[in-house]
């Protein structure tokens, strides 16, 4: 972890983390700035964070990709964005309680 006065080190550490729309880590800002695991990260597994805000991660895939393209100048191709089914457009059938997922909308 870093102290909040370690201003020069922080951007370098942040730049070393790759983006993922299902990140396994996140930054925690308080008295200390820490990179925390959000789940178990296996040895050799890449540590990923989201370049989007928490609310943006709830958006449909194409909207997340659009925001990253506009603000970070890259097209996200993480596993979540590459899936043809949009995981935030999920519906429960009122009759059978089965789950239906929507295909991504064409751009």
Protein backbone atom coordinates (compact mmCIF):
# COMPACT_ATOMS: atom_id res chain seq x y z
CA UNK A 1 0.00 0.00 0.00
CA UNK A 2 0.99 3.61 -0.46
CA UNK A 3 0.60 6.70 1.65
CA UNK A 4 -1.46 9.48 0.06
CA UNK A 5 1.71 11.62 -0.25
CA UNK A 6 3.32 9.11 -2.64
CA UNK A 7 1.92 11.07 -5.59
CA UNK A 8 4.59 10.18 -8.13
CA UNK A 9 4.44 6.44 -7.59
CA UNK A 10 0.66 6.08 -7.83
CA UNK A 11 0.19 6.94 -11.55
CA UNK A 12 2.93 4.47 -12.49
CA UNK A 13 1.30 1.67 -10.46
CA UNK A 14 -2.13 2.47 -11.90
CA UNK A 15 -0.72 2.41 -15.43
CA UNK A 16 0.63 -1.09 -14.84
CA UNK A 17 -2.85 -2.54 -14.22
CA UNK A 18 -4.83 -3.79 -17.20
CA UNK A 19 -8.53 -3.06 -17.62
CA UNK A 20 -11.23 -5.73 -17.40
CA UNK A 21 -15.01 -5.32 -17.17
CA UNK A 22 -14.91 -8.10 -14.54
CA UNK A 23 -11.90 -6.89 -12.57
CA UNK A 24 -10.28 -9.04 -9.89
CA UNK A 25 -8.88 -6.03 -7.98
CA UNK A 26 -9.76 -2.43 -7.16
CA UNK A 27 -8.14 0.69 -5.77
CA UNK A 28 -9.10 1.74 -2.25
CA UNK A 29 -8.55 5.41 -1.41
CA UNK A 30 -8.49 6.46 2.22
CA UNK A 31 -5.70 7.40 4.60
CA UNK A 32 -3.69 4.88 2.57
CA UNK A 33 -4.05 4.07 -1.08
CA UNK A 34 -4.23 0.32 -1.60
CA UNK A 35 -4.73 -2.06 -4.47
CA UNK A 36 -7.07 -4.72 -3.06
CA UNK A 37 -8.10 -8.08 -4.43
CA UNK A 38 -11.83 -8.40 -5.04
CA UNK A 39 -11.55 -12.17 -5.37
CA UNK A 40 -8.93 -14.86 -5.09
CA UNK A 41 -6.11 -14.19 -7.57
CA UNK A 42 -4.05 -17.23 -8.44
CA UNK A 43 -0.29 -17.13 -8.75
CA UNK A 44 0.58 -16.04 -12.27
CA UNK A 45 -2.91 -14.61 -12.94
CA UNK A 46 -2.98 -11.05 -14.22
CA UNK A 47 -4.22 -8.44 -11.75
CA UNK A 48 -6.92 -6.36 -13.44
CA UNK A 49 -8.89 -3.26 -12.49
CA UNK A 50 -11.70 -1.43 -14.21
CA UNK A 51 -10.95 1.85 -15.93
CA UNK A 52 -14.70 2.54 -15.64
CA UNK A 53 -16.59 3.63 -12.56
CA UNK A 54 -18.63 1.09 -10.62
CA UNK A 55 -21.89 2.36 -12.13
CA UNK A 56 -20.52 2.09 -15.66
CA UNK A 57 -19.79 -1.60 -15.13
CA UNK A 58 -23.57 -2.12 -14.94
CA UNK A 59 -24.06 -0.76 -18.46
CA UNK A 60 -24.60 -2.97 -21.51
CA UNK A 61 -21.42 -4.16 -23.21
CA UNK A 62 -21.66 -1.88 -26.22
CA UNK A 63 -22.07 1.19 -24.01
CA UNK A 64 -19.08 0.18 -21.86
CA UNK A 65 -17.01 -0.32 -25.01
CA UNK A 66 -18.14 3.06 -26.38
CA UNK A 67 -17.16 4.86 -23.17
CA UNK A 68 -13.73 3.22 -23.12
CA UNK A 69 -13.20 4.05 -26.79
CA UNK A 70 -14.06 7.72 -26.20
CA UNK A 71 -12.24 8.21 -22.88
CA UNK A 72 -9.30 5.76 -23.10
CA UNK A 73 -8.95 5.30 -26.87
CA UNK A 74 -9.21 1.51 -26.96
CA UNK A 75 -11.88 -1.07 -27.73
CA UNK A 76 -12.34 -3.44 -24.81
CA UNK A 77 -12.15 -7.09 -25.80
CA UNK A 78 -12.24 -8.64 -22.33
CA UNK A 79 -14.12 -11.90 -21.87
CA UNK A 80 -17.24 -10.08 -20.70
CA UNK A 81 -17.28 -7.75 -23.73
CA UNK A 82 -16.42 -10.58 -26.14
CA UNK A 83 -19.36 -12.74 -25.05
CA UNK A 84 -22.23 -12.53 -27.59
CA UNK A 85 -24.70 -12.46 -24.70
CA UNK A 86 -25.02 -9.23 -22.75
CA UNK A 87 -24.86 -10.11 -19.04
CA UNK A 88 -26.59 -6.90 -17.90
CA UNK A 89 -29.59 -7.52 -20.13
CA UNK A 90 -30.93 -10.55 -18.26
CA UNK A 91 -34.62 -11.20 -17.74
CA UNK A 92 -36.48 -13.66 -15.53
CA UNK A 93 -39.52 -15.29 -17.09
CA UNK A 94 -42.54 -14.54 -14.86
CA UNK A 95 -44.10 -17.89 -15.73
CA UNK A 96 -41.27 -20.42 -15.37
CA UNK A 97 -38.66 -18.30 -13.52
CA UNK A 98 -36.10 -19.26 -16.17
CA UNK A 99 -33.40 -16.80 -17.13
CA UNK A 100 -33.21 -15.27 -20.59
CA UNK A 101 -30.21 -13.31 -21.79
CA UNK A 102 -30.33 -10.76 -24.59
CA UNK A 103 -27.94 -10.87 -27.50
CA UNK A 104 -25.83 -7.77 -27.94
CA UNK A 105 -27.44 -5.11 -30.06
CA UNK A 106 -25.77 -4.30 -33.36
CA UNK A 107 -24.08 -0.92 -33.59
